[in-house]
PDB file of all heavy atoms in Angstrom:
ATOM      1  N   ALA A   1      -4.783 -17.082   4.343  1.00  0.00           N
ATOM      2  CA  ALA A   1      -3.807 -16.632   3.368  1.00  0.00           C
ATOM      3  C   ALA A   1      -2.839 -15.716   3.899  1.00  0.00           C
ATOM      4  O   ALA A   1      -3.080 -14.997   4.884  1.00  0.00           O
ATOM      5  CB  ALA A   1      -4.518 -16.061   2.105  1.00  0.00           C
ATOM      6  N   VAL A   2      -1.662 -15.694   3.288  1.00  0.00           N
ATOM      7  CA  VAL A   2      -0.616 -14.668   3.771  1.00  0.00           C
ATOM      8  C   VAL A   2      -0.286 -13.846   2.497  1.00  0.00           C
ATOM      9  O   VAL A   2      -0.404 -14.328   1.309  1.00  0.00           O
ATOM     10  CB  VAL A   2       0.680 -15.267   4.239  1.00  0.00           C
ATOM     11  CG1 VAL A   2       0.379 -15.990   5.595  1.00  0.00           C
ATOM     12  CG2 VAL A   2       1.249 -16.326   3.318  1.00  0.00           C
ATOM     13  N   GLN A   3       0.074 -12.568   2.659  1.00  0.00           N
ATOM     14  CA  GLN A   3       0.438 -11.749   1.463  1.00  0.00           C
ATOM     15  C   GLN A   3       1.557 -10.858   1.921  1.00  0.00           C
ATOM     16  O   GLN A   3       1.688 -10.475   3.114  1.00  0.00           O
ATOM     17  CB  GLN A   3      -0.746 -10.955   0.929  1.00  0.00           C
ATOM     18  CG  GLN A   3      -1.388  -9.925   1.874  1.00  0.00           C
ATOM     19  CD  GLN A   3      -2.668 -10.520   2.562  1.00  0.00           C
ATOM     20  OE1 GLN A   3      -2.942 -11.718   2.518  1.00  0.00           O
ATOM     21  NE2 GLN A   3      -3.278  -9.554   3.317  1.00  0.00           N
ATOM     22  N   ALA A   4       2.305 -10.410   0.954  1.00  0.00           N
ATOM     23  CA  ALA A   4       3.327  -9.511   1.138  1.00  0.00           C
ATOM     24  C   ALA A   4       3.640  -8.644  -0.252  1.00  0.00           C
ATOM     25  O   ALA A   4       3.262  -9.056  -1.259  1.00  0.00           O
ATOM     26  CB  ALA A   4       4.725 -10.246   1.461  1.00  0.00           C
ATOM     27  N   GLY A   5       4.036  -7.480   0.083  1.00  0.00           N
ATOM     28  CA  GLY A   5       4.379  -6.668  -1.128  1.00  0.00           C
ATOM     29  C   GLY A   5       4.982  -5.427  -0.777  1.00  0.00           C
ATOM     30  O   GLY A   5       5.596  -5.117   0.320  1.00  0.00           O
ATOM     31  N   ALA A   6       4.859  -4.409  -1.764  1.00  0.00           N
ATOM     32  CA  ALA A   6       5.445  -3.043  -1.540  1.00  0.00           C
ATOM     33  C   ALA A   6       4.593  -2.051  -2.189  1.00  0.00           C
ATOM     34  O   ALA A   6       3.717  -2.362  -3.101  1.00  0.00           O
ATOM     35  CB  ALA A   6       6.870  -3.012  -2.211  1.00  0.00           C
ATOM     36  N   GLY A   7       4.764  -0.796  -1.719  1.00  0.00           N
ATOM     37  CA  GLY A   7       3.967   0.242  -2.237  1.00  0.00           C
ATOM     38  C   GLY A   7       4.751   1.606  -2.158  1.00  0.00           C
ATOM     39  O   GLY A   7       5.768   1.671  -1.526  1.00  0.00           O
ATOM     40  N   VAL A   8       4.130   2.595  -2.587  1.00  0.00           N
ATOM     41  CA  VAL A   8       4.656   3.923  -2.518  1.00  0.00           C
ATOM     42  C   VAL A   8       3.525   5.002  -2.308  1.00  0.00           C
ATOM     43  O   VAL A   8       2.474   4.853  -2.934  1.00  0.00           O
ATOM     44  CB  VAL A   8       5.587   4.263  -3.785  1.00  0.00           C
ATOM     45  CG1 VAL A   8       4.719   4.293  -5.020  1.00  0.00           C
ATOM     46  CG2 VAL A   8       6.329   5.531  -3.534  1.00  0.00           C
ATOM     47  N   HIS A   9       3.768   5.985  -1.484  1.00  0.00           N
ATOM     48  CA  HIS A   9       2.942   7.115  -1.358  1.00  0.00           C
ATOM     49  C   HIS A   9       3.483   8.214  -2.275  1.00  0.00           C
ATOM     50  O   HIS A   9       4.734   8.490  -2.091  1.00  0.00           O
ATOM     51  CB  HIS A   9       2.856   7.638   0.051  1.00  0.00           C
ATOM     52  CG  HIS A   9       2.077   6.770   1.001  1.00  0.00           C
ATOM     53  ND1 HIS A   9       0.803   6.480   0.854  1.00  0.00           N
ATOM     54  CD2 HIS A   9       2.520   6.078   2.125  1.00  0.00           C
ATOM     55  CE1 HIS A   9       0.441   5.627   1.942  1.00  0.00           C
ATOM     56  NE2 HIS A   9       1.501   5.390   2.600  1.00  0.00           N
ATOM     57  N   LEU A  10       2.740   8.801  -3.089  1.00  0.00           N
ATOM     58  CA  LEU A  10       3.128   9.950  -3.887  1.00  0.00           C
ATOM     59  C   LEU A  10       2.542  11.207  -3.275  1.00  0.00           C
ATOM     60  O   LEU A  10       1.297  11.392  -3.421  1.00  0.00           O
ATOM     61  CB  LEU A  10       2.700   9.795  -5.394  1.00  0.00           C
ATOM     62  CG  LEU A  10       2.850  10.938  -6.382  1.00  0.00           C
ATOM     63  CD1 LEU A  10       4.297  11.371  -6.387  1.00  0.00           C
ATOM     64  CD2 LEU A  10       2.316  10.726  -7.691  1.00  0.00           C
ATOM     65  N   ASN A  11       3.272  11.855  -2.470  1.00  0.00           N
ATOM     66  CA  ASN A  11       2.790  12.975  -1.782  1.00  0.00           C
ATOM     67  C   ASN A  11       2.548  14.271  -2.758  1.00  0.00           C
ATOM     68  O   ASN A  11       3.491  14.690  -3.393  1.00  0.00           O
ATOM     69  CB  ASN A  11       3.734  13.467  -0.676  1.00  0.00           C
ATOM     70  CG  ASN A  11       3.801  12.385   0.466  1.00  0.00           C
ATOM     71  OD1 ASN A  11       2.712  12.115   0.957  1.00  0.00           O
ATOM     72  ND2 ASN A  11       5.010  11.890   0.733  1.00  0.00           N
ATOM     73  N   LEU A  12       1.301  14.627  -2.776  1.00  0.00           N
ATOM     74  CA  LEU A  12       0.927  15.815  -3.606  1.00  0.00           C
ATOM     75  C   LEU A  12       1.002  17.001  -2.786  1.00  0.00           C
ATOM     76  O   LEU A  12       1.236  18.175  -3.350  1.00  0.00           O
ATOM     77  CB  LEU A  12      -0.452  15.566  -4.268  1.00  0.00           C
ATOM     78  CG  LEU A  12      -0.618  14.303  -4.980  1.00  0.00           C
ATOM     79  CD1 LEU A  12      -2.124  14.018  -5.327  1.00  0.00           C
ATOM     80  CD2 LEU A  12       0.167  14.221  -6.212  1.00  0.00           C
ATOM     81  N   SER A  13       0.802  16.945  -1.574  1.00  0.00           N
ATOM     82  CA  SER A  13       1.009  18.076  -0.652  1.00  0.00           C
ATOM     83  C   SER A  13       1.248  17.487   0.824  1.00  0.00           C
ATOM     84  O   SER A  13       1.280  16.260   0.922  1.00  0.00           O
ATOM     85  CB  SER A  13      -0.359  18.844  -0.560  1.00  0.00           C
ATOM     86  OG  SER A  13      -1.332  18.313   0.195  1.00  0.00           O
ATOM     87  N   PRO A  14       1.541  18.274   1.787  1.00  0.00           N
ATOM     88  CA  PRO A  14       1.842  17.681   3.130  1.00  0.00           C
ATOM     89  C   PRO A  14       0.587  16.898   3.633  1.00  0.00           C
ATOM     90  O   PRO A  14       0.741  16.009   4.488  1.00  0.00           O
ATOM     91  CB  PRO A  14       2.145  18.867   3.941  1.00  0.00           C
ATOM     92  CG  PRO A  14       2.704  19.878   3.088  1.00  0.00           C
ATOM     93  CD  PRO A  14       1.928  19.702   1.730  1.00  0.00           C
ATOM     94  N   ARG A  15      -0.554  17.080   3.234  1.00  0.00           N
ATOM     95  CA  ARG A  15      -1.785  16.442   3.670  1.00  0.00           C
ATOM     96  C   ARG A  15      -2.418  15.474   2.634  1.00  0.00           C
ATOM     97  O   ARG A  15      -3.349  14.683   3.005  1.00  0.00           O
ATOM     98  CB  ARG A  15      -2.876  17.457   4.062  1.00  0.00           C
ATOM     99  CG  ARG A  15      -2.477  18.178   5.368  1.00  0.00           C
ATOM    100  CD  ARG A  15      -3.633  18.867   5.826  1.00  0.00           C
ATOM    101  NE  ARG A  15      -3.508  19.431   7.191  1.00  0.00           N
ATOM    102  CZ  ARG A  15      -3.719  18.817   8.355  1.00  0.00           C
ATOM    103  NH1 ARG A  15      -4.230  17.556   8.223  1.00  0.00           N
ATOM    104  NH2 ARG A  15      -3.572  19.316   9.427  1.00  0.00           N
ATOM    105  N   LEU A  16      -2.061  15.527   1.376  1.00  0.00           N
ATOM    106  CA  LEU A  16      -2.742  14.777   0.350  1.00  0.00           C
ATOM    107  C   LEU A  16      -1.793  13.885  -0.450  1.00  0.00           C
ATOM    108  O   LEU A  16      -0.636  14.354  -0.752  1.00  0.00           O
ATOM    109  CB  LEU A  16      -3.376  15.746  -0.657  1.00  0.00           C
ATOM    110  CG  LEU A  16      -4.220  15.092  -1.822  1.00  0.00           C
ATOM    111  CD1 LEU A  16      -5.407  14.417  -1.336  1.00  0.00           C
ATOM    112  CD2 LEU A  16      -4.549  16.157  -2.902  1.00  0.00           C
ATOM    113  N   ASP A  17      -2.135  12.586  -0.556  1.00  0.00           N
ATOM    114  CA  ASP A  17      -1.168  11.748  -1.330  1.00  0.00           C
ATOM    115  C   ASP A  17      -1.987  10.687  -2.140  1.00  0.00           C
ATOM    116  O   ASP A  17      -3.199  10.487  -1.821  1.00  0.00           O
ATOM    117  CB  ASP A  17      -0.167  11.055  -0.359  1.00  0.00           C
ATOM    118  CG  ASP A  17      -0.782  10.008   0.532  1.00  0.00           C
ATOM    119  OD1 ASP A  17      -1.475   9.128   0.135  1.00  0.00           O
ATOM    120  OD2 ASP A  17      -0.466  10.084   1.824  1.00  0.00           O
ATOM    121  N   MET A  18      -1.296  10.150  -3.017  1.00  0.00           N
ATOM    122  CA  MET A  18      -1.906   8.969  -3.755  1.00  0.00           C
ATOM    123  C   MET A  18      -1.005   7.804  -3.342  1.00  0.00           C
ATOM    124  O   MET A  18       0.240   7.883  -3.298  1.00  0.00           O
ATOM    125  CB  MET A  18      -1.808   9.156  -5.227  1.00  0.00           C
ATOM    126  CG  MET A  18      -2.812  10.170  -5.763  1.00  0.00           C
ATOM    127  SD  MET A  18      -2.904  10.221  -7.542  1.00  0.00           S
ATOM    128  CE  MET A  18      -3.540   8.805  -8.005  1.00  0.00           C
ATOM    129  N   SER A  19      -1.671   6.518  -3.249  1.00  0.00           N
ATOM    130  CA  SER A  19      -0.848   5.336  -2.883  1.00  0.00           C
ATOM    131  C   SER A  19      -1.093   4.299  -4.009  1.00  0.00           C
ATOM    132  O   SER A  19      -2.101   4.129  -4.520  1.00  0.00           O
ATOM    133  CB  SER A  19      -1.445   4.807  -1.571  1.00  0.00           C
ATOM    134  OG  SER A  19      -1.310   5.682  -0.475  1.00  0.00           O
ATOM    135  N   PHE A  20       0.004   3.728  -4.244  1.00  0.00           N
ATOM    136  CA  PHE A  20       0.089   2.597  -5.227  1.00  0.00           C
ATOM    137  C   PHE A  20       0.742   1.427  -4.525  1.00  0.00           C
ATOM    138  O   PHE A  20       1.848   1.564  -4.020  1.00  0.00           O
ATOM    139  CB  PHE A  20       0.978   3.044  -6.439  1.00  0.00           C
ATOM    140  CG  PHE A  20       0.449   4.281  -7.127  1.00  0.00           C
ATOM    141  CD1 PHE A  20       0.920   5.440  -6.782  1.00  0.00           C
ATOM    142  CD2 PHE A  20      -0.639   4.173  -8.053  1.00  0.00           C
ATOM    143  CE1 PHE A  20       0.452   6.683  -7.347  1.00  0.00           C
ATOM    144  CE2 PHE A  20      -1.015   5.368  -8.641  1.00  0.00           C
ATOM    145  CZ  PHE A  20      -0.534   6.598  -8.331  1.00  0.00           C
ATOM    146  N   ALA A  21       0.153   0.269  -4.527  1.00  0.00           N
ATOM    147  CA  ALA A  21       0.733  -0.977  -3.898  1.00  0.00           C
ATOM    148  C   ALA A  21       0.507  -2.184  -4.731  1.00  0.00           C
ATOM    149  O   ALA A  21      -0.579  -2.197  -5.421  1.00  0.00           O
ATOM    150  CB  ALA A  21       0.176  -0.991  -2.462  1.00  0.00           C
ATOM    151  N   GLY A  22       1.313  -3.113  -4.706  1.00  0.00           N
ATOM    152  CA  GLY A  22       1.160  -4.390  -5.237  1.00  0.00           C
ATOM    153  C   GLY A  22       1.584  -5.458  -4.224  1.00  0.00           C
ATOM    154  O   GLY A  22       2.514  -5.201  -3.487  1.00  0.00           O
ATOM    155  N   GLN A  23       0.848  -6.545  -4.232  1.00  0.00           N
ATOM    156  CA  GLN A  23       1.240  -7.612  -3.259  1.00  0.00           C
ATOM    157  C   GLN A  23       0.838  -8.959  -3.880  1.00  0.00           C
ATOM    158  O   GLN A  23      -0.080  -9.125  -4.721  1.00  0.00           O
ATOM    159  CB  GLN A  23       0.610  -7.374  -1.929  1.00  0.00           C
ATOM    160  CG  GLN A  23      -0.868  -7.194  -1.828  1.00  0.00           C
ATOM    161  CD  GLN A  23      -1.397  -6.901  -0.486  1.00  0.00           C
ATOM    162  OE1 GLN A  23      -0.948  -7.494   0.491  1.00  0.00           O
ATOM    163  NE2 GLN A  23      -2.230  -5.933  -0.340  1.00  0.00           N
ATOM    164  N   TYR A  24       1.508  -9.989  -3.416  1.00  0.00           N
ATOM    165  CA  TYR A  24       1.207 -11.317  -3.864  1.00  0.00           C
ATOM    166  C   TYR A  24       0.586 -12.111  -2.653  1.00  0.00           C
ATOM    167  O   TYR A  24       1.054 -11.944  -1.581  1.00  0.00           O
ATOM    168  CB  TYR A  24       2.437 -12.074  -4.336  1.00  0.00           C
ATOM    169  CG  TYR A  24       2.152 -13.334  -4.951  1.00  0.00           C
ATOM    170  CD1 TYR A  24       1.557 -13.439  -6.287  1.00  0.00           C
ATOM    171  CD2 TYR A  24       2.436 -14.571  -4.292  1.00  0.00           C
ATOM    172  CE1 TYR A  24       1.279 -14.668  -6.853  1.00  0.00           C
ATOM    173  CE2 TYR A  24       2.096 -15.792  -4.942  1.00  0.00           C
ATOM    174  CZ  TYR A  24       1.534 -15.859  -6.095  1.00  0.00           C
ATOM    175  OH  TYR A  24       1.230 -17.054  -6.724  1.00  0.00           O
ATOM    176  N   MET A  25      -0.509 -12.816  -2.981  1.00  0.00           N
ATOM    177  CA  MET A  25      -1.242 -13.562  -1.866  1.00  0.00           C
ATOM    178  C   MET A  25      -1.136 -14.990  -2.129  1.00  0.00           C
ATOM    179  O   MET A  25      -1.420 -15.520  -3.343  1.00  0.00           O
ATOM    180  CB  MET A  25      -2.663 -13.108  -1.710  1.00  0.00           C
ATOM    181  CG  MET A  25      -3.515 -13.905  -0.779  1.00  0.00           C
ATOM    182  SD  MET A  25      -5.232 -13.486  -0.685  1.00  0.00           S
ATOM    183  CE  MET A  25      -5.125 -11.931   0.225  1.00  0.00           C
ATOM    184  N   ILE A  26      -0.796 -15.847  -1.108  1.00  0.00           N
ATOM    185  CA  ILE A  26      -0.745 -17.326  -1.236  1.00  0.00           C
ATOM    186  C   ILE A  26      -1.781 -17.856  -0.299  1.00  0.00           C
ATOM    187  O   ILE A  26      -1.856 -17.490   0.906  1.00  0.00           O
ATOM    188  CB  ILE A  26       0.581 -17.885  -0.874  1.00  0.00           C
ATOM    189  CG1 ILE A  26       1.611 -17.413  -1.787  1.00  0.00           C
ATOM    190  CG2 ILE A  26       0.619 -19.455  -0.851  1.00  0.00           C
ATOM    191  CD1 ILE A  26       3.045 -17.800  -1.496  1.00  0.00           C
ATOM    192  N   HIS A  27      -2.688 -18.752  -0.736  1.00  0.00           N
ATOM    193  CA  HIS A  27      -3.723 -19.316   0.012  1.00  0.00           C
ATOM    194  C   HIS A  27      -3.220 -20.536   0.733  1.00  0.00           C
ATOM    195  O   HIS A  27      -2.461 -21.424   0.160  1.00  0.00           O
ATOM    196  CB  HIS A  27      -4.866 -19.666  -0.756  1.00  0.00           C
ATOM    197  CG  HIS A  27      -5.608 -18.464  -1.369  1.00  0.00           C
ATOM    198  ND1 HIS A  27      -6.506 -17.842  -0.573  1.00  0.00           N
ATOM    199  CD2 HIS A  27      -5.511 -17.843  -2.472  1.00  0.00           C
ATOM    200  CE1 HIS A  27      -6.993 -16.771  -1.296  1.00  0.00           C
ATOM    201  NE2 HIS A  27      -6.406 -16.749  -2.474  1.00  0.00           N
ATOM    202  N   LEU A  28      -3.549 -20.761   1.994  1.00  0.00           N
ATOM    203  CA  LEU A  28      -3.183 -21.870   2.810  1.00  0.00           C
ATOM    204  C   LEU A  28      -4.416 -22.696   3.083  1.00  0.00           C
ATOM    205  O   LEU A  28      -5.490 -22.074   3.377  1.00  0.00           O
ATOM    206  CB  LEU A  28      -2.493 -21.455   4.051  1.00  0.00           C
ATOM    207  CG  LEU A  28      -1.266 -20.466   3.887  1.00  0.00           C
ATOM    208  CD1 LEU A  28      -0.862 -19.909   5.239  1.00  0.00           C
ATOM    209  CD2 LEU A  28      -0.111 -21.102   3.190  1.00  0.00           C
ATOM    210  N   GLY A  29      -4.319 -23.940   3.219  1.00  0.00           N
ATOM    211  CA  GLY A  29      -5.535 -24.725   3.477  1.00  0.00           C
ATOM    212  C   GLY A  29      -6.017 -25.526   2.294  1.00  0.00           C
ATOM    213  O   GLY A  29      -5.424 -25.550   1.270  1.00  0.00           O
ATOM    214  N   LYS A  30      -7.157 -26.156   2.523  1.00  0.00           N
ATOM    215  CA  LYS A  30      -7.736 -27.095   1.561  1.00  0.00           C
ATOM    216  C   LYS A  30      -8.507 -26.269   0.458  1.00  0.00           C
ATOM    217  O   LYS A  30      -9.079 -25.294   0.736  1.00  0.00           O
ATOM    218  CB  LYS A  30      -8.686 -27.988   2.161  1.00  0.00           C
ATOM    219  CG  LYS A  30      -7.944 -28.917   3.194  1.00  0.00           C
ATOM    220  CD  LYS A  30      -9.020 -29.843   3.850  1.00  0.00           C
ATOM    221  CE  LYS A  30      -8.404 -30.747   4.901  1.00  0.00           C
ATOM    222  NZ  LYS A  30      -9.281 -31.567   5.608  1.00  0.00           N
ATOM    223  N   GLU A  31      -8.394 -26.804  -0.733  1.00  0.00           N
ATOM    224  CA  GLU A  31      -9.142 -26.277  -1.843  1.00  0.00           C
ATOM    225  C   GLU A  31     -10.274 -27.168  -2.135  1.00  0.00           C
ATOM    226  O   GLU A  31     -10.268 -28.416  -1.995  1.00  0.00           O
ATOM    227  CB  GLU A  31      -8.281 -26.170  -3.131  1.00  0.00           C
ATOM    228  CG  GLU A  31      -7.057 -25.201  -3.066  1.00  0.00           C
ATOM    229  CD  GLU A  31      -7.565 -23.753  -2.996  1.00  0.00           C
ATOM    230  OE1 GLU A  31      -8.561 -23.481  -3.598  1.00  0.00           O
ATOM    231  OE2 GLU A  31      -6.902 -22.924  -2.301  1.00  0.00           O
ATOM    232  N   ILE A  32     -11.447 -26.493  -2.563  1.00  0.00           N
ATOM    233  CA  ILE A  32     -12.678 -27.355  -2.898  1.00  0.00           C
ATOM    234  C   ILE A  32     -12.702 -27.452  -4.378  1.00  0.00           C
ATOM    235  O   ILE A  32     -12.703 -26.434  -5.125  1.00  0.00           O
ATOM    236  CB  ILE A  32     -13.931 -26.690  -2.344  1.00  0.00           C
ATOM    237  CG1 ILE A  32     -13.820 -26.620  -0.819  1.00  0.00           C
ATOM    238  CG2 ILE A  32     -15.231 -27.498  -2.772  1.00  0.00           C
ATOM    239  CD1 ILE A  32     -14.988 -25.873  -0.172  1.00  0.00           C
ATOM    240  N   GLY A  33     -13.017 -28.656  -4.933  1.00  0.00           N
ATOM    241  CA  GLY A  33     -13.096 -28.891  -6.298  1.00  0.00           C
ATOM    242  C   GLY A  33     -14.475 -29.615  -6.526  1.00  0.00           C
ATOM    243  O   GLY A  33     -15.044 -29.996  -5.695  1.00  0.00           O
ATOM    244  N   THR A  34     -14.815 -29.542  -7.882  1.00  0.00           N
ATOM    245  CA  THR A  34     -16.179 -30.253  -8.205  1.00  0.00           C
ATOM    246  C   THR A  34     -15.924 -31.187  -9.359  1.00  0.00           C
ATOM    247  O   THR A  34     -15.022 -31.039 -10.193  1.00  0.00           O
ATOM    248  CB  THR A  34     -17.242 -29.195  -8.546  1.00  0.00           C
ATOM    249  OG1 THR A  34     -16.719 -28.442  -9.637  1.00  0.00           O
ATOM    250  CG2 THR A  34     -17.511 -28.290  -7.434  1.00  0.00           C
ATOM    251  N   ASP A  35     -16.718 -32.189  -9.413  1.00  0.00           N
ATOM    252  CA  ASP A  35     -16.870 -33.145 -10.504  1.00  0.00           C
ATOM    253  C   ASP A  35     -18.336 -33.417 -10.817  1.00  0.00           C
ATOM    254  O   ASP A  35     -19.129 -33.371  -9.915  1.00  0.00           O
ATOM    255  CB  ASP A  35     -16.179 -34.540 -10.214  1.00  0.00           C
ATOM    256  CG  ASP A  35     -14.643 -34.422 -10.152  1.00  0.00           C
ATOM    257  OD1 ASP A  35     -14.169 -33.623 -11.035  1.00  0.00           O
ATOM    258  OD2 ASP A  35     -14.033 -35.028  -9.275  1.00  0.00           O
ATOM    259  N   VAL A  36     -18.658 -33.716 -12.042  1.00  0.00           N
ATOM    260  CA  VAL A  36     -19.983 -34.148 -12.415  1.00  0.00           C
ATOM    261  C   VAL A  36     -20.003 -35.496 -12.887  1.00  0.00           C
ATOM    262  O   VAL A  36     -19.280 -35.838 -13.897  1.00  0.00           O
ATOM    263  CB  VAL A  36     -20.604 -33.179 -13.334  1.00  0.00           C
ATOM    264  CG1 VAL A  36     -22.096 -33.665 -13.752  1.00  0.00           C
ATOM    265  CG2 VAL A  36     -20.729 -31.731 -12.852  1.00  0.00           C
TER     266      VAL A  36
END
């Protein structure tokens, strides 16, 4: 699969931060299905 996205670090101090990120993933290759 490949994925891409963006995020942001919210720096609370010079050493501490919170990170928020979002990305979209696309699967490559065969999918497996089932039937009964």
